[in-house]
């Protein structure tokens, strides 16, 4: 992409970074993105409530879509905003040598306490807007849709946005995610399973509170929670061939009051597997354990789920298109040897149509996403936009 357009999307990325918003609350983020596209492109911009899309419709043609996510994370920036421009230019070099917990200099640091773009969704959105700019200079022969999705971090957004694929008869969809640990600007691909399925599970036991000196007069769920944790570990071994992972996230039990034996307790877990079906099977086994323990100990049990993500699969032919695009652009292509454990709700789209997720390397020693030291690498923006544009050219040819 040309220098003028690159500078526009870098400035946009920094503005988005400065005003991050959490899942289901991306109001100003959406407004800023819509305003940018309306001011700089001829794309039709359609407001869908919590999300929006921009499109160039060509009647009677196949359609392709590209998706970016808008939400930030509940992580404090950990960055000092009070610096001058001279210091700011050294920021990128500092990123790779930061000691743990050191504040880094960033002139566009988050102004929203406790919220920041530590997954790089500001960069994803800027790149998709960059595609919008590029489409102004491309002979658009087939319909193209740019989906700006909310709530990726909680798995809620794609559930809503995916309906657009059917409504507009979209035949292919693509997205990228920045990723640290791979060479800067490299394009990383994998056919089939790319990211695992996962879900949050909370099990709440309710018994009866009593005085700590008379625990026999109450029903304390502590022992049932302890036994459940122990038995979950044993059950997970039975599913080791299915690569099931169960992580204890949180345990809540009473207060720090030495005169009260608590009557309520709660255990939260994250379940993860390569396939949804295996994850559901394991979940059912865990729930059955909890129900048996509740029955044996005269407890009530409630089970709730959240943050549900299907596995993310990339279609072989779509990955082929990504490979060809990268080679055309002279970018290094790396085959990802195994699926990433972390989940991504792009899987909701690829349940409906062919599609692919690819990864753009931040650098082998670049700070990892979801950490306080991370900021999206502006050096990969142009390559990311070029990849989207080249994939479109292939599709339209």
Protein backbone atom coordinates (compact mmCIF):
# COMPACT_ATOMS: atom_id res chain seq x y z
CA UNK A 1 0.00 0.00 0.00
CA UNK A 2 1.14 3.55 -0.59
CA UNK A 3 2.75 5.70 2.11
CA UNK A 4 -0.20 8.09 2.44
CA UNK A 5 -2.70 5.30 3.11
CA UNK A 6 -0.29 3.57 5.50
CA UNK A 7 0.09 6.74 7.55
CA UNK A 8 -3.70 7.09 7.69
CA UNK A 9 -4.23 3.63 9.14
CA UNK A 10 -1.32 3.93 11.56
CA UNK A 11 -2.90 7.12 12.90
CA UNK A 12 -6.26 5.34 13.09
CA UNK A 13 -4.68 2.41 14.93
CA UNK A 14 -3.16 4.73 17.52
CA UNK A 15 -6.49 6.49 18.03
CA UNK A 16 -8.26 3.17 18.56
CA UNK A 17 -5.54 2.12 20.99
CA UNK A 18 -5.99 5.28 23.01
CA UNK A 19 -9.71 4.63 23.56
CA UNK A 20 -10.15 0.86 24.03
CA UNK A 21 -13.50 -0.71 24.92
CA UNK A 22 -14.43 -4.12 26.32
CA UNK A 23 -16.57 -6.78 24.63
CA UNK A 24 -20.20 -5.76 23.97
CA UNK A 25 -19.32 -2.11 24.70
CA UNK A 26 -17.42 -1.08 21.57
CA UNK A 27 -19.61 1.96 20.91
CA UNK A 28 -16.96 4.61 20.27
CA UNK A 29 -14.64 2.16 18.53
CA UNK A 30 -17.41 1.34 16.07
CA UNK A 31 -18.18 5.03 15.54
CA UNK A 32 -14.55 5.89 14.83
CA UNK A 33 -14.20 3.07 12.31
CA UNK A 34 -17.43 3.88 10.52
CA UNK A 35 -16.48 7.56 10.32
CA UNK A 36 -13.07 6.68 8.88
CA UNK A 37 -14.54 4.53 6.10
CA UNK A 38 -17.29 7.04 5.31
CA UNK A 39 -14.72 9.85 5.03
CA UNK A 40 -12.10 7.93 3.04
CA UNK A 41 -13.93 5.39 0.86
CA UNK A 42 -17.01 4.94 -1.31
CA UNK A 43 -17.99 1.71 0.45
CA UNK A 44 -21.53 1.34 1.72
CA UNK A 45 -21.28 1.36 5.53
CA UNK A 46 -24.08 -0.52 7.30
CA UNK A 47 -24.70 -0.15 11.05
CA UNK A 48 -25.87 -3.42 12.62
CA UNK A 49 -26.11 -2.29 16.25
CA UNK A 50 -23.11 -3.61 18.13
CA UNK A 51 -21.16 -4.21 14.91
CA UNK A 52 -21.12 -3.05 11.31
CA UNK A 53 -19.96 -3.96 7.86
CA UNK A 54 -18.81 -2.08 4.77
CA UNK A 55 -19.35 -3.42 1.28
CA UNK A 56 -18.94 -3.00 -2.42
CA UNK A 57 -21.76 -4.95 -4.03
CA UNK A 58 -21.51 -6.21 -7.61
CA UNK A 59 -24.79 -7.75 -8.74
CA UNK A 60 -24.75 -11.35 -9.92
CA UNK A 61 -21.26 -12.17 -8.61
CA UNK A 62 -19.83 -14.40 -5.92
CA UNK A 63 -19.00 -12.60 -2.68
CA UNK A 64 -16.00 -12.66 -0.35
CA UNK A 65 -15.71 -11.32 3.20
CA UNK A 66 -12.88 -10.19 5.46
CA UNK A 67 -13.29 -9.84 9.21
CA UNK A 68 -11.63 -7.82 11.99
CA UNK A 69 -12.40 -7.80 15.72
CA UNK A 70 -12.88 -4.56 17.70
CA UNK A 71 -12.78 -5.35 21.43
CA UNK A 72 -10.03 -4.80 23.97
CA UNK A 73 -9.02 -6.63 27.16
CA UNK A 74 -9.47 -5.93 30.89
CA UNK A 75 -5.72 -5.40 31.31
CA UNK A 76 -4.08 -2.23 32.58
CA UNK A 77 -1.89 -0.62 29.94
CA UNK A 78 1.19 -0.57 32.15
CA UNK A 79 2.60 2.15 29.92
CA UNK A 80 3.75 5.66 30.75
CA UNK A 81 1.97 8.22 28.56
CA UNK A 82 4.06 11.21 29.69
CA UNK A 83 6.87 11.23 27.11
CA UNK A 84 8.04 13.46 24.28
CA UNK A 85 8.38 12.63 20.58
CA UNK A 86 12.12 12.03 20.83
CA UNK A 87 11.60 9.28 23.39
CA UNK A 88 8.66 7.86 21.46
CA UNK A 89 10.75 6.98 18.41
CA UNK A 90 12.81 4.58 20.54
CA UNK A 91 9.72 2.73 21.72
CA UNK A 92 9.80 -0.04 19.11
CA UNK A 93 13.42 -0.93 19.86
CA UNK A 94 12.66 -1.05 23.58
CA UNK A 95 9.79 -3.51 23.15
CA UNK A 96 12.07 -6.50 22.64
CA UNK A 97 14.27 -5.87 25.68
CA UNK A 98 11.74 -5.00 28.36
CA UNK A 99 12.15 -6.58 31.79
CA UNK A 100 8.98 -7.95 33.35
CA UNK A 101 6.61 -5.33 34.81
CA UNK A 102 8.61 -2.34 33.53
CA UNK A 103 6.42 0.49 32.22
CA UNK A 104 7.05 1.26 28.57
CA UNK A 105 6.79 4.60 26.81
CA UNK A 106 3.79 4.95 24.52
CA UNK A 107 2.42 8.34 23.43
CA UNK A 108 -0.99 6.89 22.53
CA UNK A 109 -1.47 4.77 25.65
CA UNK A 110 -4.96 3.78 26.80
CA UNK A 111 -6.95 6.53 28.49
CA UNK A 112 -9.43 4.01 29.90
CA UNK A 113 -8.11 2.66 33.23
CA UNK A 114 -7.88 -1.11 33.36
CA UNK A 115 -8.66 -1.55 29.65
CA UNK A 116 -6.19 -1.84 26.78
CA UNK A 117 -5.66 -3.35 23.33
CA UNK A 118 -3.32 -6.11 24.45
CA UNK A 119 -4.47 -8.52 21.74
CA UNK A 120 -3.95 -6.17 18.80
CA UNK A 121 -7.55 -5.83 17.69
CA UNK A 122 -6.83 -2.15 17.08
CA UNK A 123 -4.32 -3.29 14.46
CA UNK A 124 -6.73 -5.80 12.95
CA UNK A 125 -9.36 -3.08 12.49
CA UNK A 126 -6.82 -0.63 11.06
CA UNK A 127 -5.70 -3.26 8.56
CA UNK A 128 -9.27 -3.95 7.44
CA UNK A 129 -9.80 -0.21 6.99
CA UNK A 130 -6.60 -0.29 4.97
CA UNK A 131 -8.24 -2.83 2.68
CA UNK A 132 -11.13 -0.38 2.32
CA UNK A 133 -8.63 2.25 1.12
CA UNK A 134 -7.00 -0.20 -1.28
CA UNK A 135 -10.35 -1.15 -2.81
CA UNK A 136 -10.64 2.44 -4.05
CA UNK A 137 -7.83 1.66 -6.51
CA UNK A 138 -8.84 -1.91 -7.38
CA UNK A 139 -11.20 -2.91 -10.18
CA UNK A 140 -13.88 -4.47 -7.95
CA UNK A 141 -15.35 -7.22 -10.12
CA UNK A 142 -16.93 -9.28 -7.33
CA UNK A 143 -18.82 -8.32 -4.18
CA UNK A 144 -16.70 -7.76 -1.09
CA UNK A 145 -17.75 -7.35 2.55
CA UNK A 146 -15.63 -5.97 5.40
CA UNK A 147 -17.00 -7.20 8.74
CA UNK A 148 -16.06 -5.27 11.88
CA UNK A 149 -17.01 -7.64 14.67
CA UNK A 150 -17.59 -6.96 18.35
CA UNK A 151 -16.92 -9.25 21.34
CA UNK A 152 -14.35 -11.70 20.02
CA UNK A 153 -12.72 -12.11 23.42
CA UNK A 154 -15.91 -13.56 24.91
CA UNK A 155 -17.01 -15.56 21.87
CA UNK A 156 -20.25 -13.59 21.54
CA UNK A 157 -19.62 -11.45 18.48
CA UNK A 158 -19.16 -13.96 15.69
CA UNK A 159 -22.41 -15.72 16.65
CA UNK A 160 -24.28 -12.59 15.60
CA UNK A 161 -22.17 -11.50 12.64
CA UNK A 162 -22.00 -14.92 10.98
CA UNK A 163 -25.61 -14.63 9.85
CA UNK A 164 -24.44 -12.07 7.28
CA UNK A 165 -22.69 -14.85 5.36
CA UNK A 166 -26.00 -16.51 4.56
CA UNK A 167 -27.94 -13.28 4.11
CA UNK A 168 -25.48 -12.02 1.47
CA UNK A 169 -24.56 -15.41 -0.03
CA UNK A 170 -20.91 -14.92 0.86
CA UNK A 171 -18.87 -17.89 -0.33
CA UNK A 172 -15.48 -17.31 1.36
CA UNK A 173 -14.21 -15.44 4.44
CA UNK A 174 -10.73 -14.56 5.69
CA UNK A 175 -9.14 -13.04 8.76
CA UNK A 176 -5.69 -12.69 10.25
CA UNK A 177 -4.28 -12.48 13.74
CA UNK A 178 -0.97 -10.94 14.70
CA UNK A 179 1.20 -13.41 16.61
CA UNK A 180 4.49 -13.14 18.45
CA UNK A 181 7.23 -15.75 18.21
CA UNK A 182 7.32 -15.91 14.41
CA UNK A 183 9.53 -13.77 12.14
CA UNK A 184 8.25 -10.25 11.52
CA UNK A 185 5.87 -10.06 8.52
CA UNK A 186 5.96 -13.82 7.98
CA UNK A 187 2.64 -15.44 6.99
CA UNK A 188 1.81 -18.50 9.06
CA UNK A 189 -0.80 -20.97 7.84
CA UNK A 190 -2.29 -24.35 8.68
CA UNK A 191 -4.88 -26.47 6.91
CA UNK A 192 -7.68 -27.86 9.06
CA UNK A 193 -7.56 -27.26 12.81
CA UNK A 194 -5.88 -23.94 13.67
CA UNK A 195 -7.24 -23.09 17.13
CA UNK A 196 -8.94 -25.21 19.77
CA UNK A 197 -12.49 -25.15 21.07
CA UNK A 198 -13.01 -23.87 24.62
CA UNK A 199 -15.70 -22.91 27.10
CA UNK A 200 -15.99 -21.52 30.60
CA UNK A 201 -17.84 -23.69 33.13
CA UNK A 202 -18.97 -22.60 36.61
CA UNK A 203 -20.32 -25.07 39.17
CA UNK A 204 -22.02 -23.63 42.25
CA UNK A 205 -22.82 -25.69 45.33
CA UNK A 206 -25.31 -24.46 47.93
CA UNK A 207 -25.52 -26.03 51.37
CA UNK A 208 -26.16 -24.43 54.75
CA UNK A 209 -24.21 -21.87 56.77
CA UNK A 210 -23.42 -22.55 60.42
CA UNK A 211 -21.21 -21.31 63.25
CA UNK A 212 -17.63 -22.47 62.76
CA UNK A 213 -17.75 -24.15 66.18
CA UNK A 214 -20.70 -26.28 65.06
CA UNK A 215 -19.97 -27.29 61.47
CA UNK A 216 -22.12 -30.39 61.88
CA UNK A 217 -25.19 -28.13 61.98
CA UNK A 218 -24.41 -26.77 58.51
CA UNK A 219 -23.46 -28.16 55.12
CA UNK A 220 -20.11 -26.78 54.01
CA UNK A 221 -19.42 -27.38 50.27
CA UNK A 222 -15.64 -27.10 50.68
CA UNK A 223 -15.05 -30.83 50.79
CA UNK A 224 -17.24 -31.45 47.76
CA UNK A 225 -15.33 -28.82 45.81
CA UNK A 226 -12.03 -30.36 46.85
CA UNK A 227 -13.19 -33.83 45.86
CA UNK A 228 -14.54 -32.55 42.55
CA UNK A 229 -11.18 -30.99 41.69
CA UNK A 230 -9.43 -34.25 42.50
CA UNK A 231 -11.85 -36.34 40.47
CA UNK A 232 -11.75 -33.95 37.49
CA UNK A 233 -8.02 -34.56 37.24
CA UNK A 234 -8.60 -38.32 37.24
CA UNK A 235 -11.35 -38.10 34.62
CA UNK A 236 -9.25 -35.88 32.36
CA UNK A 237 -6.65 -38.65 32.14
CA UNK A 238 -9.27 -40.88 30.55
CA UNK A 239 -9.57 -38.36 27.72
CA UNK A 240 -5.84 -37.78 27.21
CA UNK A 241 -6.01 -39.27 23.72
CA UNK A 242 -8.49 -36.52 22.79
CA UNK A 243 -6.18 -33.76 24.04
CA UNK A 244 -8.61 -32.43 26.65
CA UNK A 245 -7.33 -29.64 28.87
CA UNK A 246 -9.11 -28.52 32.03
CA UNK A 247 -7.79 -25.45 33.85
CA UNK A 248 -8.98 -24.39 37.31
CA UNK A 249 -9.69 -20.66 37.00
CA UNK A 250 -11.29 -19.64 40.29
CA UNK A 251 -12.55 -21.03 43.61
CA UNK A 252 -14.92 -19.02 45.78
CA UNK A 253 -15.78 -20.18 49.29
CA UNK A 254 -17.07 -18.03 52.14
CA UNK A 255 -15.28 -15.02 53.57
CA UNK A 256 -12.22 -14.62 55.81
CA UNK A 257 -14.36 -14.84 58.93
CA UNK A 258 -13.18 -17.50 61.37
CA UNK A 259 -16.53 -17.77 63.09
CA UNK A 260 -18.56 -18.89 60.06
CA UNK A 261 -18.66 -22.21 58.24
CA UNK A 262 -19.73 -21.26 54.69
CA UNK A 263 -22.83 -22.61 53.01
CA UNK A 264 -21.98 -21.72 49.41
CA UNK A 265 -19.03 -22.46 47.15
CA UNK A 266 -18.22 -22.06 43.49
CA UNK A 267 -15.67 -23.60 41.13
CA UNK A 268 -14.85 -22.10 37.71
CA UNK A 269 -13.02 -24.01 35.00
CA UNK A 270 -11.93 -23.55 31.41
CA UNK A 271 -12.42 -26.60 29.23
CA UNK A 272 -10.39 -26.89 26.04
CA UNK A 273 -10.20 -29.49 23.29
CA UNK A 274 -9.32 -29.84 19.63
CA UNK A 275 -12.95 -30.63 18.83
CA UNK A 276 -16.24 -29.34 20.20
CA UNK A 277 -17.69 -32.84 20.51
CA UNK A 278 -14.84 -33.99 22.76
CA UNK A 279 -15.16 -30.84 24.86
CA UNK A 280 -18.89 -31.44 25.31
CA UNK A 281 -18.30 -35.07 26.27
CA UNK A 282 -15.80 -34.02 28.93
CA UNK A 283 -18.10 -31.24 30.15
CA UNK A 284 -20.95 -33.72 30.61
CA UNK A 285 -18.64 -35.99 32.61
CA UNK A 286 -17.64 -33.10 34.90
CA UNK A 287 -21.24 -32.03 35.40
CA UNK A 288 -22.24 -35.59 36.26
CA UNK A 289 -19.48 -35.73 38.89
CA UNK A 290 -20.75 -32.48 40.41
CA UNK A 291 -24.34 -33.71 40.47
CA UNK A 292 -23.33 -36.97 42.17
CA UNK A 293 -21.34 -35.11 44.83
CA UNK A 294 -24.24 -32.74 45.45
CA UNK A 295 -26.65 -35.64 45.88
CA UNK A 296 -24.29 -37.50 48.23
CA UNK A 297 -23.75 -34.41 50.42
CA UNK A 298 -27.25 -32.88 50.41
CA UNK A 299 -26.14 -29.89 48.34
CA UNK A 300 -27.91 -28.01 45.59
CA UNK A 301 -25.89 -27.60 42.41
CA UNK A 302 -26.14 -25.05 39.61
CA UNK A 303 -24.11 -25.22 36.39
CA UNK A 304 -23.55 -22.33 33.97
CA UNK A 305 -21.42 -21.84 30.87
CA UNK A 306 -19.86 -18.79 29.20
CA UNK A 307 -17.22 -17.75 26.68
CA UNK A 308 -18.01 -20.56 24.26
CA UNK A 309 -15.70 -20.96 21.26
CA UNK A 310 -15.90 -23.68 18.59
CA UNK A 311 -12.69 -24.98 17.05
CA UNK A 312 -11.37 -22.83 14.21
CA UNK A 313 -10.85 -24.71 10.95
CA UNK A 314 -9.20 -23.40 7.79
CA UNK A 315 -10.32 -24.78 4.44
CA UNK A 316 -7.55 -26.30 2.29
CA UNK A 317 -8.42 -24.34 -0.85
CA UNK A 318 -8.65 -21.07 1.11
CA UNK A 319 -5.27 -21.71 2.73
CA UNK A 320 -3.97 -22.26 -0.78
CA UNK A 321 -5.21 -18.81 -1.72
CA UNK A 322 -3.41 -17.34 1.31
CA UNK A 323 -0.19 -19.12 0.34
CA UNK A 324 -0.37 -17.82 -3.21
CA UNK A 325 -1.04 -14.28 -2.00
CA UNK A 326 1.96 -14.36 0.33
CA UNK A 327 4.27 -15.73 -2.36
CA UNK A 328 3.04 -13.11 -4.85
CA UNK A 329 3.94 -10.42 -2.30
CA UNK A 330 7.33 -11.99 -1.56
CA UNK A 331 6.43 -12.75 2.05
CA UNK A 332 7.81 -15.76 3.90
CA UNK A 333 5.28 -18.55 4.37
CA UNK A 334 5.53 -20.79 7.45
CA UNK A 335 3.49 -23.93 8.05
CA UNK A 336 2.23 -24.01 11.62
CA UNK A 337 3.11 -27.49 12.95
CA UNK A 338 0.22 -27.81 15.40
CA UNK A 339 -2.95 -26.00 16.38
CA UNK A 340 -2.83 -23.11 18.83
CA UNK A 341 -4.49 -23.94 22.15
CA UNK A 342 -5.99 -20.47 22.50
CA UNK A 343 -9.47 -20.09 21.02
CA UNK A 344 -10.80 -17.70 18.37
CA UNK A 345 -14.45 -17.23 17.51
CA UNK A 346 -13.72 -17.12 13.77
CA UNK A 347 -14.77 -20.77 13.93
CA UNK A 348 -18.42 -19.67 13.90
CA UNK A 349 -17.91 -18.32 10.37
CA UNK A 350 -16.09 -21.36 9.02
CA UNK A 351 -18.94 -23.55 10.19
CA UNK A 352 -21.02 -21.84 7.49
CA UNK A 353 -18.68 -21.18 4.55
CA UNK A 354 -15.17 -21.93 3.37
CA UNK A 355 -12.59 -19.70 4.97
CA UNK A 356 -9.14 -19.36 6.48
CA UNK A 357 -7.38 -17.65 9.32
CA UNK A 358 -3.71 -16.81 8.84
CA UNK A 359 -1.19 -15.30 11.22
CA UNK A 360 1.22 -12.44 10.65
CA UNK A 361 4.42 -12.67 12.65
CA UNK A 362 5.26 -9.83 15.04
CA UNK A 363 8.84 -10.96 15.48
CA UNK A 364 10.48 -13.92 17.18
CA UNK A 365 11.25 -12.04 20.41
CA UNK A 366 8.31 -9.64 20.32
CA UNK A 367 6.19 -9.40 23.52
CA UNK A 368 3.32 -11.89 23.58
CA UNK A 369 -0.30 -10.86 23.18
CA UNK A 370 -2.37 -10.59 26.39
CA UNK A 371 0.64 -9.24 28.30
CA UNK A 372 1.22 -5.72 29.64
CA UNK A 373 4.36 -5.27 27.55
CA UNK A 374 2.56 -5.83 24.25
CA UNK A 375 1.48 -3.26 21.66
CA UNK A 376 0.47 -4.06 18.06
CA UNK A 377 3.48 -3.91 15.76
CA UNK A 378 2.85 -1.15 13.20
CA UNK A 379 5.60 -2.64 11.05
CA UNK A 380 3.26 -5.47 9.99
CA UNK A 381 0.30 -3.25 9.03
CA UNK A 382 1.23 -2.77 5.37
CA UNK A 383 1.87 -6.50 4.86
CA UNK A 384 -1.45 -7.36 6.48
CA UNK A 385 -3.35 -4.96 4.22
CA UNK A 386 -1.46 -6.20 1.17
CA UNK A 387 -2.42 -9.78 2.05
CA UNK A 388 -6.13 -8.90 2.22
CA UNK A 389 -5.92 -7.00 -1.07
CA UNK A 390 -4.07 -9.78 -2.87
CA UNK A 391 -6.51 -12.42 -1.62
CA UNK A 392 -9.32 -10.28 -3.02
CA UNK A 393 -7.54 -9.92 -6.39
CA UNK A 394 -7.21 -13.71 -6.63
CA UNK A 395 -10.85 -14.22 -5.73
CA UNK A 396 -12.02 -11.63 -8.27
CA UNK A 397 -9.81 -12.81 -11.12
